Amino acid sequence: MFTGIVTDIGRIEAAEQRGDLRLRIGCGYDMSTVDLGASISCSGVCLTVVDKGENWFAVDVSAETLSRTAPAMWEQGRRLNLERALRVGDELGGHIVTGHVDGIGEVEGTADVGGSTRVTIIAGDEIAPYLAAKGSVTLDGVSLTVNEVESLSDGVRFGINIIPHTAQQTTLGEIAPGRPLNIEIDILARYLGRMLELRR
């Protein structure tokens, strides 16, 4: 379980196909405080630490995960938003995030508004029912507030704001039109959607 508050930016130092894809990720964490088997959110994807050393850890990314996450995000040199798992007593500064990607969106456009960046994103039908204005959404592991939602014939367009702090502390400072993003909907919306589906 995570909160969508990024605590470090890692970089993929090596990628090796071993059945699953083994990644070595450089980071600023004190890895002596991270156990093997611990979960770390990597740009919104909950992955298990399978090896570690000073300022790096390794994870295995399955074919299922590769098929459900943003294209090209697991390439060597790619920067990733990192968050260690939530511990009992930690501040819940964002919202409850599971690290399970529900769909992939694409940045339609960006605009400077004051000191912030306004971003519009297009996503598919699988995401559309679960977004609401002033609700929460996770993009590449970052907890954000949805500003507005517009239904499309084949999906949804929604807008968010990236404040300067978020731009500096996450990879969303590099956001540009055409960029694919991992989307996780709010967990409450997911369960409510399932309940309504069963009632039908």
N, C-alpha and C. Protein backbone atom coordinates (compact mmCIF):
# COMPACT_ATOMS: atom_id res chain seq x y z
N MET A 1 0.84 -1.18 0.00
CA MET A 1 0.00 0.00 0.00
C MET A 1 0.89 1.25 0.00
N PHE A 2 0.47 2.26 -0.77
CA PHE A 2 1.26 3.48 -0.91
C PHE A 2 0.34 4.69 -0.77
N THR A 3 0.93 5.88 -0.87
CA THR A 3 0.13 7.11 -0.74
C THR A 3 0.20 7.99 -1.99
N GLY A 4 1.07 7.66 -2.94
CA GLY A 4 1.23 8.51 -4.12
C GLY A 4 2.10 9.73 -3.87
N ILE A 5 2.84 9.73 -2.74
CA ILE A 5 3.79 10.80 -2.46
C ILE A 5 5.18 10.27 -2.76
N VAL A 6 5.77 10.73 -3.84
CA VAL A 6 7.06 10.22 -4.30
C VAL A 6 8.17 10.67 -3.35
N THR A 7 9.04 9.73 -2.97
CA THR A 7 10.12 10.04 -2.02
C THR A 7 11.51 9.98 -2.64
N ASP A 8 11.60 9.55 -3.88
CA ASP A 8 12.90 9.52 -4.56
C ASP A 8 12.65 9.33 -6.05
N ILE A 9 13.61 9.73 -6.86
CA ILE A 9 13.58 9.41 -8.28
C ILE A 9 14.74 8.45 -8.56
N GLY A 10 14.41 7.27 -9.06
CA GLY A 10 15.43 6.28 -9.38
C GLY A 10 15.72 6.29 -10.87
N ARG A 11 16.77 5.57 -11.23
CA ARG A 11 17.13 5.43 -12.64
C ARG A 11 17.44 3.96 -12.93
N ILE A 12 16.93 3.45 -14.04
CA ILE A 12 17.21 2.07 -14.42
C ILE A 12 18.65 1.99 -14.92
N GLU A 13 19.50 1.31 -14.15
CA GLU A 13 20.91 1.20 -14.49
C GLU A 13 21.20 0.02 -15.41
N ALA A 14 20.37 -1.01 -15.33
CA ALA A 14 20.55 -2.18 -16.18
C ALA A 14 19.23 -2.90 -16.33
N ALA A 15 19.02 -3.49 -17.50
CA ALA A 15 17.82 -4.28 -17.79
C ALA A 15 18.26 -5.56 -18.49
N GLU A 16 17.86 -6.70 -17.93
CA GLU A 16 18.29 -7.99 -18.47
C GLU A 16 17.11 -8.95 -18.52
N GLN A 17 16.90 -9.57 -19.68
CA GLN A 17 15.82 -10.52 -19.83
C GLN A 17 16.25 -11.86 -19.27
N ARG A 18 15.52 -12.35 -18.26
CA ARG A 18 15.84 -13.65 -17.64
C ARG A 18 14.56 -14.46 -17.51
N GLY A 19 13.79 -14.59 -18.53
CA GLY A 19 12.42 -15.09 -18.40
C GLY A 19 11.56 -13.88 -18.10
N ASP A 20 11.61 -13.38 -16.86
CA ASP A 20 11.07 -12.06 -16.54
C ASP A 20 12.18 -11.04 -16.80
N LEU A 21 11.81 -9.76 -16.79
CA LEU A 21 12.78 -8.69 -17.01
C LEU A 21 13.37 -8.28 -15.66
N ARG A 22 14.67 -8.47 -15.47
CA ARG A 22 15.36 -8.07 -14.24
C ARG A 22 15.90 -6.65 -14.42
N LEU A 23 15.49 -5.76 -13.52
CA LEU A 23 15.95 -4.38 -13.55
C LEU A 23 16.80 -4.09 -12.34
N ARG A 24 17.88 -3.37 -12.55
CA ARG A 24 18.66 -2.81 -11.44
C ARG A 24 18.38 -1.30 -11.43
N ILE A 25 17.89 -0.81 -10.30
CA ILE A 25 17.44 0.58 -10.21
C ILE A 25 18.29 1.32 -9.18
N GLY A 26 18.99 2.36 -9.63
CA GLY A 26 19.76 3.20 -8.73
C GLY A 26 18.83 4.14 -7.98
N CYS A 27 19.13 4.38 -6.70
CA CYS A 27 18.25 5.21 -5.89
C CYS A 27 19.03 5.88 -4.77
N GLY A 28 18.37 6.77 -4.05
CA GLY A 28 18.99 7.45 -2.92
C GLY A 28 18.61 6.85 -1.58
N TYR A 29 17.87 5.75 -1.57
CA TYR A 29 17.44 5.13 -0.32
C TYR A 29 18.62 4.49 0.41
N ASP A 30 18.54 4.47 1.73
CA ASP A 30 19.46 3.68 2.54
C ASP A 30 18.96 2.25 2.47
N MET A 31 19.58 1.44 1.63
CA MET A 31 19.06 0.11 1.36
C MET A 31 19.25 -0.85 2.53
N SER A 32 20.02 -0.46 3.55
CA SER A 32 20.13 -1.29 4.75
C SER A 32 18.81 -1.31 5.52
N THR A 33 17.93 -0.36 5.23
CA THR A 33 16.63 -0.30 5.90
C THR A 33 15.52 -0.92 5.05
N VAL A 34 15.87 -1.47 3.91
CA VAL A 34 14.90 -2.10 3.01
C VAL A 34 15.18 -3.60 2.96
N ASP A 35 14.19 -4.40 3.32
CA ASP A 35 14.36 -5.85 3.33
C ASP A 35 14.15 -6.44 1.94
N LEU A 36 14.81 -7.56 1.67
CA LEU A 36 14.47 -8.33 0.48
C LEU A 36 13.01 -8.76 0.62
N GLY A 37 12.27 -8.68 -0.46
CA GLY A 37 10.85 -8.99 -0.42
C GLY A 37 9.97 -7.79 -0.15
N ALA A 38 10.58 -6.64 0.17
CA ALA A 38 9.80 -5.43 0.40
C ALA A 38 9.22 -4.93 -0.92
N SER A 39 8.15 -4.15 -0.83
CA SER A 39 7.52 -3.57 -2.01
C SER A 39 7.96 -2.12 -2.18
N ILE A 40 8.27 -1.75 -3.42
CA ILE A 40 8.57 -0.36 -3.77
C ILE A 40 7.74 -0.02 -5.01
N SER A 41 7.05 1.11 -4.96
CA SER A 41 6.30 1.57 -6.13
C SER A 41 7.28 2.23 -7.10
N CYS A 42 7.28 1.74 -8.33
CA CYS A 42 8.16 2.26 -9.38
C CYS A 42 7.28 2.86 -10.47
N SER A 43 7.15 4.19 -10.46
CA SER A 43 6.25 4.90 -11.38
C SER A 43 4.85 4.30 -11.39
N GLY A 44 4.37 4.00 -10.17
CA GLY A 44 3.01 3.53 -10.01
C GLY A 44 2.81 2.04 -10.05
N VAL A 45 3.90 1.28 -10.15
CA VAL A 45 3.82 -0.18 -10.23
C VAL A 45 4.46 -0.78 -8.99
N CYS A 46 3.70 -1.55 -8.24
CA CYS A 46 4.22 -2.21 -7.04
C CYS A 46 5.12 -3.37 -7.45
N LEU A 47 6.41 -3.27 -7.11
CA LEU A 47 7.38 -4.31 -7.46
C LEU A 47 8.11 -4.77 -6.20
N THR A 48 8.60 -6.01 -6.24
CA THR A 48 9.25 -6.64 -5.10
C THR A 48 10.76 -6.56 -5.21
N VAL A 49 11.41 -6.15 -4.14
CA VAL A 49 12.88 -6.09 -4.10
C VAL A 49 13.42 -7.52 -4.02
N VAL A 50 14.19 -7.94 -5.05
CA VAL A 50 14.73 -9.30 -5.09
C VAL A 50 16.23 -9.34 -4.87
N ASP A 51 16.87 -8.19 -4.93
CA ASP A 51 18.31 -8.08 -4.66
C ASP A 51 18.57 -6.61 -4.33
N LYS A 52 19.68 -6.33 -3.66
CA LYS A 52 19.96 -4.95 -3.31
C LYS A 52 21.44 -4.77 -3.00
N GLY A 53 21.88 -3.52 -3.03
CA GLY A 53 23.23 -3.15 -2.66
C GLY A 53 23.22 -1.69 -2.25
N GLU A 54 24.38 -1.10 -2.15
CA GLU A 54 24.45 0.30 -1.74
C GLU A 54 23.87 1.19 -2.84
N ASN A 55 22.79 1.87 -2.52
CA ASN A 55 22.12 2.80 -3.45
C ASN A 55 21.56 2.14 -4.70
N TRP A 56 21.18 0.87 -4.62
CA TRP A 56 20.48 0.24 -5.73
C TRP A 56 19.65 -0.94 -5.23
N PHE A 57 18.63 -1.28 -6.00
CA PHE A 57 17.86 -2.49 -5.74
C PHE A 57 17.46 -3.10 -7.08
N ALA A 58 17.12 -4.39 -7.05
CA ALA A 58 16.71 -5.09 -8.26
C ALA A 58 15.29 -5.62 -8.10
N VAL A 59 14.56 -5.62 -9.21
CA VAL A 59 13.20 -6.14 -9.25
C VAL A 59 13.03 -6.99 -10.50
N ASP A 60 12.06 -7.88 -10.48
CA ASP A 60 11.69 -8.66 -11.66
C ASP A 60 10.34 -8.16 -12.16
N VAL A 61 10.27 -7.82 -13.44
CA VAL A 61 9.03 -7.32 -14.04
C VAL A 61 8.48 -8.40 -14.96
N SER A 62 7.29 -8.89 -14.64
CA SER A 62 6.71 -10.00 -15.40
C SER A 62 6.15 -9.54 -16.74
N ALA A 63 5.89 -10.49 -17.61
CA ALA A 63 5.29 -10.19 -18.91
C ALA A 63 3.93 -9.54 -18.73
N GLU A 64 3.16 -9.96 -17.72
CA GLU A 64 1.85 -9.36 -17.43
C GLU A 64 2.01 -7.89 -17.09
N THR A 65 2.98 -7.55 -16.26
CA THR A 65 3.22 -6.15 -15.90
C THR A 65 3.66 -5.35 -17.12
N LEU A 66 4.55 -5.91 -17.92
CA LEU A 66 5.00 -5.22 -19.14
C LEU A 66 3.82 -4.90 -20.06
N SER A 67 2.87 -5.83 -20.15
CA SER A 67 1.74 -5.65 -21.07
C SER A 67 0.74 -4.61 -20.58
N ARG A 68 0.77 -4.29 -19.28
CA ARG A 68 -0.23 -3.40 -18.70
C ARG A 68 0.31 -2.03 -18.30
N THR A 69 1.57 -1.77 -18.61
CA THR A 69 2.17 -0.50 -18.21
C THR A 69 2.65 0.29 -19.43
N ALA A 70 2.97 1.55 -19.19
CA ALA A 70 3.31 2.47 -20.28
C ALA A 70 4.48 1.94 -21.11
N PRO A 71 4.37 2.01 -22.43
CA PRO A 71 5.44 1.52 -23.30
C PRO A 71 6.76 2.25 -23.04
N ALA A 72 7.84 1.51 -23.12
CA ALA A 72 9.22 2.04 -23.04
C ALA A 72 9.61 2.52 -21.64
N MET A 73 8.76 2.32 -20.63
CA MET A 73 9.11 2.85 -19.31
C MET A 73 10.15 2.00 -18.59
N TRP A 74 10.40 0.79 -19.08
CA TRP A 74 11.34 -0.10 -18.41
C TRP A 74 12.69 -0.17 -19.12
N GLU A 75 13.00 0.81 -19.94
CA GLU A 75 14.27 0.81 -20.67
C GLU A 75 15.41 1.36 -19.82
N GLN A 76 16.60 0.86 -20.08
CA GLN A 76 17.79 1.34 -19.36
C GLN A 76 17.92 2.86 -19.51
N GLY A 77 18.21 3.52 -18.40
CA GLY A 77 18.35 4.97 -18.39
C GLY A 77 17.08 5.71 -18.01
N ARG A 78 15.94 5.02 -18.03
CA ARG A 78 14.66 5.67 -17.72
C ARG A 78 14.59 6.05 -16.24
N ARG A 79 14.06 7.24 -15.96
CA ARG A 79 13.86 7.68 -14.58
C ARG A 79 12.49 7.25 -14.08
N LEU A 80 12.43 6.84 -12.81
CA LEU A 80 11.21 6.30 -12.23
C LEU A 80 10.88 7.01 -10.92
N ASN A 81 9.59 7.28 -10.70
CA ASN A 81 9.14 7.79 -9.41
C ASN A 81 9.12 6.64 -8.42
N LEU A 82 9.77 6.82 -7.27
CA LEU A 82 9.86 5.76 -6.28
C LEU A 82 9.12 6.14 -5.00
N GLU A 83 8.48 5.14 -4.39
CA GLU A 83 7.88 5.31 -3.07
C GLU A 83 7.95 3.99 -2.33
N ARG A 84 8.47 4.03 -1.11
CA ARG A 84 8.48 2.83 -0.28
C ARG A 84 7.08 2.59 0.27
N ALA A 85 6.81 1.34 0.65
CA ALA A 85 5.48 0.97 1.13
C ALA A 85 5.13 1.74 2.41
N LEU A 86 3.85 2.04 2.54
CA LEU A 86 3.31 2.73 3.70
C LEU A 86 3.45 1.86 4.94
N ARG A 87 3.89 2.47 6.05
CA ARG A 87 3.98 1.78 7.33
C ARG A 87 2.91 2.32 8.27
N VAL A 88 2.47 1.49 9.19
CA VAL A 88 1.48 1.93 10.17
C VAL A 88 2.04 3.13 10.93
N GLY A 89 1.27 4.19 10.98
CA GLY A 89 1.71 5.41 11.67
C GLY A 89 2.25 6.47 10.74
N ASP A 90 2.51 6.11 9.47
CA ASP A 90 2.99 7.10 8.50
C ASP A 90 1.87 8.08 8.16
N GLU A 91 2.26 9.28 7.78
CA GLU A 91 1.29 10.28 7.35
C GLU A 91 0.72 9.88 5.99
N LEU A 92 -0.60 9.94 5.86
CA LEU A 92 -1.26 9.65 4.59
C LEU A 92 -1.44 10.97 3.85
N GLY A 93 -0.38 11.42 3.19
CA GLY A 93 -0.39 12.75 2.58
C GLY A 93 -1.08 12.80 1.24
N GLY A 94 -1.19 11.69 0.54
CA GLY A 94 -1.85 11.67 -0.76
C GLY A 94 -3.21 10.99 -0.64
N HIS A 95 -3.34 9.79 -1.23
CA HIS A 95 -4.52 8.97 -1.04
C HIS A 95 -4.08 7.52 -1.09
N ILE A 96 -4.96 6.60 -0.78
CA ILE A 96 -4.57 5.18 -0.74
C ILE A 96 -4.33 4.68 -2.17
N VAL A 97 -3.13 4.16 -2.39
CA VAL A 97 -2.68 3.70 -3.71
C VAL A 97 -2.18 2.27 -3.56
N THR A 98 -2.57 1.40 -4.50
CA THR A 98 -2.19 -0.01 -4.39
C THR A 98 -0.97 -0.39 -5.23
N GLY A 99 -0.64 0.43 -6.23
CA GLY A 99 0.45 0.07 -7.13
C GLY A 99 0.02 -0.88 -8.23
N HIS A 100 -1.29 -0.92 -8.51
CA HIS A 100 -1.83 -1.76 -9.59
C HIS A 100 -2.35 -0.84 -10.69
N VAL A 101 -1.79 -0.94 -11.87
CA VAL A 101 -2.14 -0.05 -12.97
C VAL A 101 -3.46 -0.48 -13.59
N ASP A 102 -4.39 0.48 -13.71
CA ASP A 102 -5.71 0.19 -14.27
C ASP A 102 -5.79 0.48 -15.76
N GLY A 103 -4.90 1.30 -16.27
CA GLY A 103 -4.92 1.64 -17.69
C GLY A 103 -3.78 2.59 -18.01
N ILE A 104 -3.64 2.86 -19.29
CA ILE A 104 -2.59 3.77 -19.76
C ILE A 104 -3.25 4.96 -20.42
N GLY A 105 -2.83 6.14 -20.03
CA GLY A 105 -3.32 7.37 -20.65
C GLY A 105 -2.22 8.00 -21.48
N GLU A 106 -2.60 9.00 -22.26
CA GLU A 106 -1.63 9.73 -23.07
C GLU A 106 -1.85 11.22 -22.89
N VAL A 107 -0.76 11.94 -22.69
CA VAL A 107 -0.84 13.39 -22.52
C VAL A 107 -1.28 14.01 -23.84
N GLU A 108 -2.39 14.73 -23.78
CA GLU A 108 -2.90 15.41 -24.97
C GLU A 108 -2.25 16.78 -25.13
N GLY A 109 -2.10 17.49 -24.03
CA GLY A 109 -1.52 18.83 -24.12
C GLY A 109 -1.12 19.35 -22.75
N THR A 110 -0.26 20.37 -22.76
CA THR A 110 0.16 21.03 -21.53
C THR A 110 0.10 22.53 -21.74
N ALA A 111 -0.08 23.27 -20.65
CA ALA A 111 -0.09 24.72 -20.72
C ALA A 111 0.37 25.28 -19.38
N ASP A 112 1.15 26.34 -19.42
CA ASP A 112 1.57 27.01 -18.20
C ASP A 112 0.43 27.88 -17.69
N VAL A 113 0.08 27.70 -16.44
CA VAL A 113 -0.97 28.48 -15.80
C VAL A 113 -0.40 28.98 -14.47
N GLY A 114 -0.07 30.28 -14.41
CA GLY A 114 0.62 30.77 -13.24
C GLY A 114 1.97 30.08 -13.15
N GLY A 115 2.29 29.53 -12.00
CA GLY A 115 3.54 28.79 -11.85
C GLY A 115 3.38 27.30 -12.08
N SER A 116 2.15 26.86 -12.34
CA SER A 116 1.87 25.44 -12.49
C SER A 116 1.76 25.04 -13.96
N THR A 117 1.68 23.74 -14.19
CA THR A 117 1.47 23.21 -15.53
C THR A 117 0.12 22.51 -15.57
N ARG A 118 -0.74 22.94 -16.46
CA ARG A 118 -2.05 22.32 -16.67
C ARG A 118 -1.87 21.22 -17.70
N VAL A 119 -2.33 20.02 -17.39
CA VAL A 119 -2.13 18.87 -18.27
C VAL A 119 -3.47 18.24 -18.59
N THR A 120 -3.73 17.97 -19.87
CA THR A 120 -4.91 17.21 -20.26
C THR A 120 -4.46 15.84 -20.75
N ILE A 121 -5.21 14.83 -20.36
CA ILE A 121 -4.86 13.44 -20.61
C ILE A 121 -6.06 12.72 -21.22
N ILE A 122 -5.79 11.88 -22.20
CA ILE A 122 -6.82 11.04 -22.82
C ILE A 122 -6.62 9.60 -22.33
N ALA A 123 -7.71 8.98 -21.90
CA ALA A 123 -7.66 7.58 -21.47
C ALA A 123 -8.86 6.84 -22.06
N GLY A 124 -8.82 5.52 -21.95
CA GLY A 124 -9.83 4.68 -22.59
C GLY A 124 -11.07 4.45 -21.75
N ASP A 125 -11.96 3.65 -22.32
CA ASP A 125 -13.24 3.33 -21.68
C ASP A 125 -13.07 2.66 -20.33
N GLU A 126 -11.97 1.93 -20.15
CA GLU A 126 -11.79 1.20 -18.89
C GLU A 126 -11.55 2.14 -17.71
N ILE A 127 -11.13 3.37 -18.02
CA ILE A 127 -10.85 4.37 -16.98
C ILE A 127 -12.03 5.32 -16.80
N ALA A 128 -12.76 5.58 -17.87
CA ALA A 128 -13.77 6.65 -17.90
C ALA A 128 -14.76 6.65 -16.74
N PRO A 129 -15.33 5.50 -16.33
CA PRO A 129 -16.36 5.55 -15.29
C PRO A 129 -15.84 5.89 -13.90
N TYR A 130 -14.52 5.86 -13.72
CA TYR A 130 -13.95 5.93 -12.38
C TYR A 130 -13.30 7.27 -12.06
N LEU A 131 -13.45 8.25 -12.93
CA LEU A 131 -12.87 9.57 -12.69
C LEU A 131 -13.98 10.56 -12.38
N ALA A 132 -13.70 11.44 -11.41
CA ALA A 132 -14.67 12.46 -11.04
C ALA A 132 -13.92 13.74 -10.70
N ALA A 133 -14.51 14.87 -11.07
CA ALA A 133 -13.90 16.15 -10.73
C ALA A 133 -13.71 16.25 -9.22
N LYS A 134 -12.53 16.69 -8.81
CA LYS A 134 -12.10 16.81 -7.41
C LYS A 134 -11.83 15.47 -6.76
N GLY A 135 -11.89 14.39 -7.54
CA GLY A 135 -11.49 13.09 -7.03
C GLY A 135 -9.99 12.89 -7.19
N SER A 136 -9.51 11.73 -6.76
CA SER A 136 -8.08 11.43 -6.81
C SER A 136 -7.75 10.49 -7.96
N VAL A 137 -6.56 10.64 -8.50
CA VAL A 137 -6.04 9.73 -9.52
C VAL A 137 -4.53 9.65 -9.32
N THR A 138 -3.95 8.52 -9.70
CA THR A 138 -2.50 8.36 -9.61
C THR A 138 -1.93 8.26 -11.02
N LEU A 139 -0.97 9.13 -11.34
CA LEU A 139 -0.30 9.12 -12.64
C LEU A 139 1.17 8.84 -12.42
N ASP A 140 1.67 7.74 -13.00
CA ASP A 140 3.06 7.32 -12.80
C ASP A 140 3.45 7.36 -11.32
N GLY A 141 2.52 6.92 -10.47
CA GLY A 141 2.80 6.81 -9.04
C GLY A 141 2.61 8.07 -8.24
N VAL A 142 2.13 9.15 -8.87
CA VAL A 142 1.96 10.44 -8.19
C VAL A 142 0.49 10.69 -7.91
N SER A 143 0.14 10.94 -6.66
CA SER A 143 -1.23 11.26 -6.27
C SER A 143 -1.57 12.67 -6.73
N LEU A 144 -2.67 12.79 -7.50
CA LEU A 144 -3.08 14.08 -8.04
C LEU A 144 -4.60 14.24 -7.94
N THR A 145 -5.05 15.49 -8.01
CA THR A 145 -6.48 15.79 -7.98
C THR A 145 -6.98 16.04 -9.40
N VAL A 146 -8.09 15.42 -9.75
CA VAL A 146 -8.70 15.62 -11.06
C VAL A 146 -9.42 16.97 -11.06
N ASN A 147 -9.11 17.81 -12.03
CA ASN A 147 -9.77 19.13 -12.13
C ASN A 147 -11.11 19.05 -12.84
N GLU A 148 -11.11 18.41 -14.00
CA GLU A 148 -12.37 18.27 -14.75
C GLU A 148 -12.31 16.99 -15.58
N VAL A 149 -13.50 16.52 -15.93
CA VAL A 149 -13.64 15.27 -16.69
C VAL A 149 -14.61 15.51 -17.84
N GLU A 150 -14.23 15.04 -19.03
CA GLU A 150 -15.10 15.16 -20.21
C GLU A 150 -15.20 13.80 -20.88
N SER A 151 -16.42 13.32 -21.03
CA SER A 151 -16.64 12.04 -21.68
C SER A 151 -16.39 12.17 -23.18
N LEU A 152 -15.75 11.15 -23.76
CA LEU A 152 -15.53 11.06 -25.20
C LEU A 152 -16.24 9.83 -25.73
N SER A 153 -16.37 9.73 -27.03
CA SER A 153 -17.08 8.59 -27.61
C SER A 153 -16.37 7.27 -27.32
N ASP A 154 -15.04 7.33 -27.16
CA ASP A 154 -14.28 6.10 -26.93
C ASP A 154 -13.40 6.18 -25.69
N GLY A 155 -13.77 7.04 -24.73
CA GLY A 155 -12.95 7.16 -23.53
C GLY A 155 -13.24 8.41 -22.75
N VAL A 156 -12.19 9.05 -22.28
CA VAL A 156 -12.35 10.20 -21.40
C VAL A 156 -11.17 11.15 -21.54
N ARG A 157 -11.45 12.44 -21.41
CA ARG A 157 -10.41 13.45 -21.32
C ARG A 157 -10.50 14.05 -19.91
N PHE A 158 -9.36 14.17 -19.24
CA PHE A 158 -9.40 14.79 -17.92
C PHE A 158 -8.18 15.68 -17.73
N GLY A 159 -8.31 16.61 -16.80
CA GLY A 159 -7.24 17.57 -16.57
C GLY A 159 -6.74 17.54 -15.14
N ILE A 160 -5.44 17.79 -14.99
CA ILE A 160 -4.81 17.88 -13.66
C ILE A 160 -3.84 19.07 -13.70
N ASN A 161 -3.42 19.52 -12.54
CA ASN A 161 -2.40 20.56 -12.42
C ASN A 161 -1.16 19.99 -11.76
N ILE A 162 -0.01 20.34 -12.28
CA ILE A 162 1.26 19.96 -11.65
C ILE A 162 1.89 21.22 -11.09
N ILE A 163 1.96 21.30 -9.75
CA ILE A 163 2.57 22.46 -9.11
C ILE A 163 4.09 22.36 -9.20
N PRO A 164 4.81 23.46 -9.04
CA PRO A 164 6.27 23.43 -9.17
C PRO A 164 6.95 22.38 -8.28
N HIS A 165 6.48 22.21 -7.04
CA HIS A 165 7.10 21.22 -6.15
C HIS A 165 7.00 19.82 -6.74
N THR A 166 5.81 19.46 -7.25
CA THR A 166 5.63 18.14 -7.85
C THR A 166 6.50 17.98 -9.08
N ALA A 167 6.62 19.02 -9.89
CA ALA A 167 7.47 18.97 -11.08
C ALA A 167 8.93 18.72 -10.71
N GLN A 168 9.38 19.31 -9.60
CA GLN A 168 10.78 19.17 -9.18
C GLN A 168 11.06 17.82 -8.54
N GLN A 169 10.07 17.27 -7.83
CA GLN A 169 10.29 16.07 -7.03
C GLN A 169 9.89 14.77 -7.73
N THR A 170 9.35 14.86 -8.94
CA THR A 170 8.90 13.67 -9.67
C THR A 170 9.30 13.79 -11.15
N THR A 171 9.06 12.73 -11.88
CA THR A 171 9.35 12.75 -13.32
C THR A 171 8.28 13.51 -14.10
N LEU A 172 7.22 13.97 -13.44
CA LEU A 172 6.18 14.72 -14.15
C LEU A 172 6.66 16.10 -14.57
N GLY A 173 7.81 16.52 -14.08
CA GLY A 173 8.41 17.76 -14.57
C GLY A 173 8.84 17.66 -16.02
N GLU A 174 8.95 16.42 -16.55
CA GLU A 174 9.38 16.18 -17.93
C GLU A 174 8.18 15.95 -18.86
N ILE A 175 6.97 16.17 -18.33
CA ILE A 175 5.77 15.77 -19.07
C ILE A 175 5.63 16.57 -20.36
N ALA A 176 5.17 15.89 -21.43
CA ALA A 176 5.03 16.52 -22.74
C ALA A 176 3.95 15.78 -23.52
N PRO A 177 3.32 16.45 -24.49
CA PRO A 177 2.29 15.78 -25.30
C PRO A 177 2.80 14.49 -25.92
N GLY A 178 1.95 13.48 -25.91
CA GLY A 178 2.29 12.18 -26.47
C GLY A 178 2.86 11.21 -25.46
N ARG A 179 3.21 11.69 -24.28
CA ARG A 179 3.81 10.80 -23.28
C ARG A 179 2.75 9.85 -22.70
N PRO A 180 3.03 8.55 -22.67
CA PRO A 180 2.11 7.62 -22.02
C PRO A 180 2.31 7.63 -20.51
N LEU A 181 1.23 7.44 -19.76
CA LEU A 181 1.27 7.47 -18.30
C LEU A 181 0.53 6.27 -17.73
N ASN A 182 1.09 5.70 -16.66
CA ASN A 182 0.37 4.67 -15.92
C ASN A 182 -0.72 5.34 -15.08
N ILE A 183 -1.94 4.82 -15.17
CA ILE A 183 -3.06 5.38 -14.41
C ILE A 183 -3.57 4.34 -13.42
N GLU A 184 -3.69 4.78 -12.16
CA GLU A 184 -4.41 3.97 -11.17
C GLU A 184 -5.58 4.81 -10.66
N ILE A 185 -6.77 4.26 -10.77
CA ILE A 185 -7.95 4.95 -10.28
C ILE A 185 -8.01 4.84 -8.76
N ASP A 186 -8.83 5.68 -8.14
CA ASP A 186 -9.01 5.64 -6.70
C ASP A 186 -9.60 4.28 -6.30
N ILE A 187 -9.06 3.69 -5.23
CA ILE A 187 -9.48 2.34 -4.83
C ILE A 187 -10.96 2.29 -4.46
N LEU A 188 -11.50 3.35 -3.89
CA LEU A 188 -12.92 3.37 -3.55
C LEU A 188 -13.77 3.34 -4.81
N ALA A 189 -13.33 4.07 -5.84
CA ALA A 189 -14.07 4.07 -7.11
C ALA A 189 -14.04 2.67 -7.74
N ARG A 190 -12.93 1.98 -7.59
CA ARG A 190 -12.81 0.63 -8.15
C ARG A 190 -13.83 -0.31 -7.51
N TYR A 191 -13.93 -0.29 -6.19
CA TYR A 191 -14.85 -1.19 -5.49
C TYR A 191 -16.31 -0.79 -5.72
N LEU A 192 -16.59 0.50 -5.74
CA LEU A 192 -17.96 0.93 -6.02
C LEU A 192 -18.39 0.52 -7.42
N GLY A 193 -17.45 0.64 -8.38
CA GLY A 193 -17.75 0.22 -9.75
C GLY A 193 -18.07 -1.26 -9.83
N ARG A 194 -17.32 -2.07 -9.08
CA ARG A 194 -17.57 -3.52 -9.08
C ARG A 194 -18.92 -3.86 -8.44
N MET A 195 -19.26 -3.15 -7.36
CA MET A 195 -20.55 -3.38 -6.70
C MET A 195 -21.71 -3.05 -7.64
N LEU A 196 -21.59 -1.93 -8.37
CA LEU A 196 -22.65 -1.55 -9.30
C LEU A 196 -22.76 -2.55 -10.44
N GLU A 197 -21.61 -3.05 -10.89
CA GLU A 197 -21.60 -4.05 -11.97
C GLU A 197 -22.34 -5.31 -11.54
N LEU A 198 -22.11 -5.76 -10.31
CA LEU A 198 -22.76 -6.97 -9.81
C LEU A 198 -24.27 -6.77 -9.63
N ARG A 199 -24.67 -5.56 -9.27
CA ARG A 199 -26.11 -5.27 -9.08
C ARG A 199 -26.87 -5.33 -10.40
N ARG A 200 -26.17 -5.01 -11.50
CA ARG A 200 -26.82 -5.08 -12.81
C ARG A 200 -27.08 -6.51 -13.22
